[in-house]
Amino acid sequence: MRYVIGIGSNIGDSVSIVRRAIDEIEATFDVVVDERSSLYRTRPVGGPEQDDYINAVVVMHCDRDPDRVLAGLQEIEYEFGRVRNVRWGPRTLDLDIIAVDDMISVDPDLTLPHPRAHERGFVLVPWHEIDPEATLPHHGPIENLINRLTHDAEDDSRISSASPVVVVAGGDQAPGTST
């Protein structure tokens, strides 16, 4: 199965955390990540006042069931010090299954595709970078979703949904973050 996984961090050395998380995904699932986006610095969407995030998207192929992949991703989050105290609050690491093939699931423990992926620039832009032809089940082509977010941001106050993204170059620290 083809998994699209969103990665984010805004506590600690987020650039390093996101890169190490990708290595840990490969080790945990005994896979090689097929594609990985650049790292993007993005503003938080919702929740309390907090620092910017470093985000990325990876694509991997794995034969494990989505529930088992979710459990593995949650274990990785835990190993990186993730705590779930505040909804949409700051976090050392956030790993989300965005899509699995064209699978649809309304299970409250794992909704597929991710229920808010279609409105999150920090997911769509990195995903589009590595797969410009990608389609989000029930929502359509990623490119169209990005265009819609950009249009909506110009028409009203939904700018947070289409937060500007900045590619973080090489091994450099992301602009505006501290070590």
C-alpha atoms as a PDB file:
ATOM      1  CA  MET A   1       0.000   0.000   0.000  1.00  0.00           C
ATOM      2  CA  ARG A   2       1.107   3.548  -0.734  1.00  0.00           C
ATOM      3  CA  TYR A   3       1.122   5.771   2.351  1.00  0.00           C
ATOM      4  CA  VAL A   4       1.324   9.565   2.347  1.00  0.00           C
ATOM      5  CA  ILE A   5       2.538  10.765   5.744  1.00  0.00           C
ATOM      6  CA  GLY A   6       2.607  14.339   7.011  1.00  0.00           C
ATOM      7  CA  ILE A   7       5.348  15.302   9.449  1.00  0.00           C
ATOM      8  CA  GLY A   8       5.538  18.388  11.666  1.00  0.00           C
ATOM      9  CA  SER A   9       7.455  19.753  14.630  1.00  0.00           C
ATOM     10  CA  ASN A  10       7.640  23.066  16.462  1.00  0.00           C
ATOM     11  CA  ILE A  11       9.406  22.246  19.735  1.00  0.00           C
ATOM     12  CA  GLY A  12      13.177  21.840  19.894  1.00  0.00           C
ATOM     13  CA  ASP A  13      15.448  21.552  16.870  1.00  0.00           C
ATOM     14  CA  SER A  14      12.539  20.890  14.539  1.00  0.00           C
ATOM     15  CA  VAL A  15      14.664  20.564  11.398  1.00  0.00           C
ATOM     16  CA  SER A  16      16.684  17.787  13.004  1.00  0.00           C
ATOM     17  CA  ILE A  17      13.592  16.186  14.554  1.00  0.00           C
ATOM     18  CA  VAL A  18      11.770  15.969  11.213  1.00  0.00           C
ATOM     19  CA  ARG A  19      14.829  14.500   9.483  1.00  0.00           C
ATOM     20  CA  ARG A  20      15.388  11.967  12.273  1.00  0.00           C
ATOM     21  CA  ALA A  21      11.686  11.066  12.219  1.00  0.00           C
ATOM     22  CA  ILE A  22      11.983  10.110   8.540  1.00  0.00           C
ATOM     23  CA  ASP A  23      14.901   7.811   9.418  1.00  0.00           C
ATOM     24  CA  GLU A  24      12.840   6.330  12.247  1.00  0.00           C
ATOM     25  CA  ILE A  25       9.871   5.716   9.914  1.00  0.00           C
ATOM     26  CA  GLU A  26      12.172   3.760   7.606  1.00  0.00           C
ATOM     27  CA  ALA A  27      13.597   1.733  10.506  1.00  0.00           C
ATOM     28  CA  THR A  28      10.237   1.071  12.190  1.00  0.00           C
ATOM     29  CA  PHE A  29       8.519  -0.182   9.047  1.00  0.00           C
ATOM     30  CA  ASP A  30      11.636  -1.660   7.404  1.00  0.00           C
ATOM     31  CA  VAL A  31      11.063   0.427   4.277  1.00  0.00           C
ATOM     32  CA  VAL A  32      12.872   3.026   2.264  1.00  0.00           C
ATOM     33  CA  VAL A  33      10.852   6.213   1.938  1.00  0.00           C
ATOM     34  CA  ASP A  34      10.079   6.498  -1.786  1.00  0.00           C
ATOM     35  CA  GLU A  35       9.766  10.268  -1.863  1.00  0.00           C
ATOM     36  CA  ARG A  36      10.368  13.057   0.629  1.00  0.00           C
ATOM     37  CA  SER A  37       9.510  16.714   0.259  1.00  0.00           C
ATOM     38  CA  SER A  38      11.695  19.621   1.168  1.00  0.00           C
ATOM     39  CA  LEU A  39      11.257  20.973   4.677  1.00  0.00           C
ATOM     40  CA  TYR A  40       8.851  23.898   4.981  1.00  0.00           C
ATOM     41  CA  ARG A  41       8.497  26.512   7.697  1.00  0.00           C
ATOM     42  CA  THR A  42       4.782  27.196   8.266  1.00  0.00           C
ATOM     43  CA  ARG A  43       2.584  29.123  10.645  1.00  0.00           C
ATOM     44  CA  PRO A  44       0.447  27.096  13.059  1.00  0.00           C
ATOM     45  CA  VAL A  45      -3.213  26.605  12.177  1.00  0.00           C
ATOM     46  CA  GLY A  46      -5.596  26.774  15.130  1.00  0.00           C
ATOM     47  CA  GLY A  47      -4.765  26.130  18.734  1.00  0.00           C
ATOM     48  CA  PRO A  48      -2.906  28.338  21.182  1.00  0.00           C
ATOM     49  CA  GLU A  49      -0.173  30.859  20.373  1.00  0.00           C
ATOM     50  CA  GLN A  50       2.933  28.884  19.411  1.00  0.00           C
ATOM     51  CA  ASP A  51       6.083  28.866  17.306  1.00  0.00           C
ATOM     52  CA  ASP A  52       6.128  28.114  13.587  1.00  0.00           C
ATOM     53  CA  TYR A  53       6.316  24.506  12.427  1.00  0.00           C
ATOM     54  CA  ILE A  54       8.743  22.654  10.247  1.00  0.00           C
ATOM     55  CA  ASN A  55       6.688  20.409   7.961  1.00  0.00           C
ATOM     56  CA  ALA A  56       7.362  17.756   5.339  1.00  0.00           C
ATOM     57  CA  VAL A  57       5.520  14.985   3.532  1.00  0.00           C
ATOM     58  CA  VAL A  58       6.874  11.540   2.694  1.00  0.00           C
ATOM     59  CA  VAL A  59       5.538   8.692   0.583  1.00  0.00           C
ATOM     60  CA  MET A  60       6.312   5.079   1.435  1.00  0.00           C
ATOM     61  CA  HIS A  61       5.100   1.660   0.386  1.00  0.00           C
ATOM     62  CA  CYS A  62       4.322  -0.711   3.231  1.00  0.00           C
ATOM     63  CA  ASP A  63       2.332  -3.946   3.446  1.00  0.00           C
ATOM     64  CA  ARG A  64       1.128  -3.313   7.003  1.00  0.00           C
ATOM     65  CA  ASP A  65      -2.504  -2.473   7.682  1.00  0.00           C
ATOM     66  CA  PRO A  66      -3.220   1.216   8.307  1.00  0.00           C
ATOM     67  CA  ASP A  67      -4.092   0.576  11.976  1.00  0.00           C
ATOM     68  CA  ARG A  68      -0.657  -0.980  12.528  1.00  0.00           C
ATOM     69  CA  VAL A  69       1.079   1.863  10.695  1.00  0.00           C
ATOM     70  CA  LEU A  70      -0.836   4.379  12.832  1.00  0.00           C
ATOM     71  CA  ALA A  71       0.264   2.556  15.993  1.00  0.00           C
ATOM     72  CA  GLY A  72       3.878   2.575  14.765  1.00  0.00           C
ATOM     73  CA  LEU A  73       3.736   6.293  13.990  1.00  0.00           C
ATOM     74  CA  GLN A  74       2.274   7.032  17.424  1.00  0.00           C
ATOM     75  CA  GLU A  75       5.108   5.038  19.022  1.00  0.00           C
ATOM     76  CA  ILE A  76       7.643   7.134  17.084  1.00  0.00           C
ATOM     77  CA  GLU A  77       5.910  10.312  18.297  1.00  0.00           C
ATOM     78  CA  TYR A  78       6.121   9.030  21.861  1.00  0.00           C
ATOM     79  CA  GLU A  79       9.835   8.233  21.478  1.00  0.00           C
ATOM     80  CA  PHE A  80      10.376  11.853  20.387  1.00  0.00           C
ATOM     81  CA  GLY A  81       8.603  13.142  23.508  1.00  0.00           C
ATOM     82  CA  ARG A  82       5.161  13.851  22.064  1.00  0.00           C
ATOM     83  CA  VAL A  83       2.478  14.564  24.641  1.00  0.00           C
ATOM     84  CA  ARG A  84      -1.183  15.167  23.806  1.00  0.00           C
ATOM     85  CA  ASN A  85      -2.258  17.795  26.335  1.00  0.00           C
ATOM     86  CA  VAL A  86      -3.642  20.571  24.112  1.00  0.00           C
ATOM     87  CA  ARG A  87      -5.551  20.063  20.871  1.00  0.00           C
ATOM     88  CA  TRP A  88      -3.556  21.624  18.012  1.00  0.00           C
ATOM     89  CA  GLY A  89      -0.939  22.649  20.559  1.00  0.00           C
ATOM     90  CA  PRO A  90       2.832  22.711  20.121  1.00  0.00           C
ATOM     91  CA  ARG A  91       4.541  19.366  19.703  1.00  0.00           C
ATOM     92  CA  THR A  92       7.955  17.843  19.345  1.00  0.00           C
ATOM     93  CA  LEU A  93       6.669  15.603  16.567  1.00  0.00           C
ATOM     94  CA  ASP A  94       3.396  15.072  14.743  1.00  0.00           C
ATOM     95  CA  LEU A  95       3.030  12.179  12.286  1.00  0.00           C
ATOM     96  CA  ASP A  96      -0.242  11.896  10.360  1.00  0.00           C
ATOM     97  CA  ILE A  97      -1.381   9.383   7.787  1.00  0.00           C
ATOM     98  CA  ILE A  98      -2.777  11.655   5.085  1.00  0.00           C
ATOM     99  CA  ALA A  99      -3.833   8.977   2.594  1.00  0.00           C
ATOM    100  CA  VAL A 100      -3.420   5.263   1.905  1.00  0.00           C
ATOM    101  CA  ASP A 101      -3.896   4.470  -1.784  1.00  0.00           C
ATOM    102  CA  ASP A 102      -7.510   5.481  -2.555  1.00  0.00           C
ATOM    103  CA  MET A 103      -8.769   4.057   0.727  1.00  0.00           C
ATOM    104  CA  ILE A 104     -11.761   5.649   2.444  1.00  0.00           C
ATOM    105  CA  SER A 105     -12.353   5.096   6.162  1.00  0.00           C
ATOM    106  CA  VAL A 106     -14.731   6.793   8.579  1.00  0.00           C
ATOM    107  CA  ASP A 107     -13.303   4.988  11.611  1.00  0.00           C
ATOM    108  CA  PRO A 108     -12.950   7.615  14.371  1.00  0.00           C
ATOM    109  CA  ASP A 109      -9.498   6.220  15.244  1.00  0.00           C
ATOM    110  CA  LEU A 110      -8.233   6.539  11.662  1.00  0.00           C
ATOM    111  CA  THR A 111     -10.229   8.575   9.168  1.00  0.00           C
ATOM    112  CA  LEU A 112      -8.911   8.303   5.605  1.00  0.00           C
ATOM    113  CA  PRO A 113      -8.072  10.448   3.900  1.00  0.00           C
ATOM    114  CA  HIS A 114      -7.050  12.718   6.782  1.00  0.00           C
ATOM    115  CA  PRO A 115     -10.199  14.756   7.512  1.00  0.00           C
ATOM    116  CA  ARG A 116      -8.525  18.185   7.265  1.00  0.00           C
ATOM    117  CA  ALA A 117      -5.808  17.509   4.663  1.00  0.00           C
ATOM    118  CA  HIS A 118      -7.784  19.290   1.929  1.00  0.00           C
ATOM    119  CA  GLU A 119      -7.616  22.582   3.843  1.00  0.00           C
ATOM    120  CA  ARG A 120      -4.018  22.456   5.033  1.00  0.00           C
ATOM    121  CA  GLY A 121      -1.413  24.179   2.898  1.00  0.00           C
ATOM    122  CA  PHE A 122       1.339  22.682   5.038  1.00  0.00           C
ATOM    123  CA  VAL A 123       0.247  19.230   3.829  1.00  0.00           C
ATOM    124  CA  LEU A 124      -0.794  19.993   0.265  1.00  0.00           C
ATOM    125  CA  VAL A 125       2.197  22.064  -0.862  1.00  0.00           C
ATOM    126  CA  PRO A 126       4.896  19.573   0.233  1.00  0.00           C
ATOM    127  CA  TRP A 127       2.825  16.670  -1.161  1.00  0.00           C
ATOM    128  CA  HIS A 128       2.403  18.476  -4.471  1.00  0.00           C
ATOM    129  CA  GLU A 129       6.175  19.054  -4.602  1.00  0.00           C
ATOM    130  CA  ILE A 130       6.865  15.304  -4.637  1.00  0.00           C
ATOM    131  CA  ASP A 131       3.751  14.203  -6.541  1.00  0.00           C
ATOM    132  CA  PRO A 132       2.285  16.968  -8.729  1.00  0.00           C
ATOM    133  CA  GLU A 133      -0.373  14.600 -10.111  1.00  0.00           C
ATOM    134  CA  ALA A 134      -1.592  13.484  -6.652  1.00  0.00           C
ATOM    135  CA  THR A 135      -5.294  13.311  -5.921  1.00  0.00           C
ATOM    136  CA  LEU A 136      -6.871  13.346  -2.476  1.00  0.00           C
ATOM    137  CA  PRO A 137      -9.797  10.885  -2.385  1.00  0.00           C
ATOM    138  CA  HIS A 138     -13.172  12.680  -2.132  1.00  0.00           C
ATOM    139  CA  HIS A 139     -11.502  16.060  -2.774  1.00  0.00           C
ATOM    140  CA  GLY A 140      -9.750  15.870  -6.130  1.00  0.00           C
ATOM    141  CA  PRO A 141      -6.359  16.916  -7.481  1.00  0.00           C
ATOM    142  CA  ILE A 142      -3.947  18.409  -4.946  1.00  0.00           C
ATOM    143  CA  GLU A 143      -3.136  21.238  -7.355  1.00  0.00           C
ATOM    144  CA  ASN A 144      -6.797  22.291  -7.446  1.00  0.00           C
ATOM    145  CA  LEU A 145      -7.000  22.190  -3.648  1.00  0.00           C
ATOM    146  CA  ILE A 146      -3.933  24.434  -3.358  1.00  0.00           C
ATOM    147  CA  ASN A 147      -5.437  26.863  -5.876  1.00  0.00           C
ATOM    148  CA  ARG A 148      -8.705  26.897  -3.940  1.00  0.00           C
ATOM    149  CA  LEU A 149      -6.890  27.655  -0.671  1.00  0.00           C
ATOM    150  CA  THR A 150      -4.981  30.472  -2.318  1.00  0.00           C
ATOM    151  CA  HIS A 151      -8.185  31.887  -3.818  1.00  0.00           C
ATOM    152  CA  ASP A 152     -10.069  31.603  -0.514  1.00  0.00           C
ATOM    153  CA  ALA A 153      -7.211  33.346   1.291  1.00  0.00           C
ATOM    154  CA  GLU A 154      -7.510  36.286  -1.119  1.00  0.00           C
ATOM    155  CA  ASP A 155     -11.302  36.447  -0.747  1.00  0.00           C
ATOM    156  CA  ASP A 156     -11.617  36.267   3.032  1.00  0.00           C
ATOM    157  CA  SER A 157      -9.731  35.728   6.275  1.00  0.00           C
ATOM    158  CA  ARG A 158      -8.912  32.034   5.670  1.00  0.00           C
ATOM    159  CA  ILE A 159      -5.249  32.934   5.141  1.00  0.00           C
ATOM    160  CA  SER A 160      -4.254  30.571   7.963  1.00  0.00           C
ATOM    161  CA  SER A 161      -5.373  27.637   5.819  1.00  0.00           C
ATOM    162  CA  ALA A 162      -2.962  28.659   3.077  1.00  0.00           C
ATOM    163  CA  SER A 163      -0.056  29.776   5.248  1.00  0.00           C
ATOM    164  CA  PRO A 164       2.985  30.717   3.208  1.00  0.00           C
ATOM    165  CA  VAL A 165       5.551  27.980   3.064  1.00  0.00           C
ATOM    166  CA  VAL A 166       9.287  28.507   2.879  1.00  0.00           C
ATOM    167  CA  VAL A 167      11.651  25.765   1.843  1.00  0.00           C
ATOM    168  CA  VAL A 168      14.327  25.162   4.441  1.00  0.00           C
ATOM    169  CA  ALA A 169      17.601  24.712   2.585  1.00  0.00           C
ATOM    170  CA  GLY A 170      20.059  21.862   3.172  1.00  0.00           C
ATOM    171  CA  GLY A 171      21.199  21.406   6.752  1.00  0.00           C
ATOM    172  CA  ASP A 172      20.534  25.029   7.696  1.00  0.00           C
ATOM    173  CA  GLN A 173      18.398  25.984  10.645  1.00  0.00           C
ATOM    174  CA  ALA A 174      14.959  27.156   9.593  1.00  0.00           C
ATOM    175  CA  PRO A 175      14.539  30.925   9.568  1.00  0.00           C
ATOM    176  CA  GLY A 176      12.984  32.154  12.800  1.00  0.00           C
ATOM    177  CA  THR A 177      13.694  29.009  14.826  1.00  0.00           C
ATOM    178  CA  SER A 178      16.210  28.504  17.571  1.00  0.00           C
ATOM    179  CA  THR A 179      18.315  25.537  18.572  1.00  0.00           C
END
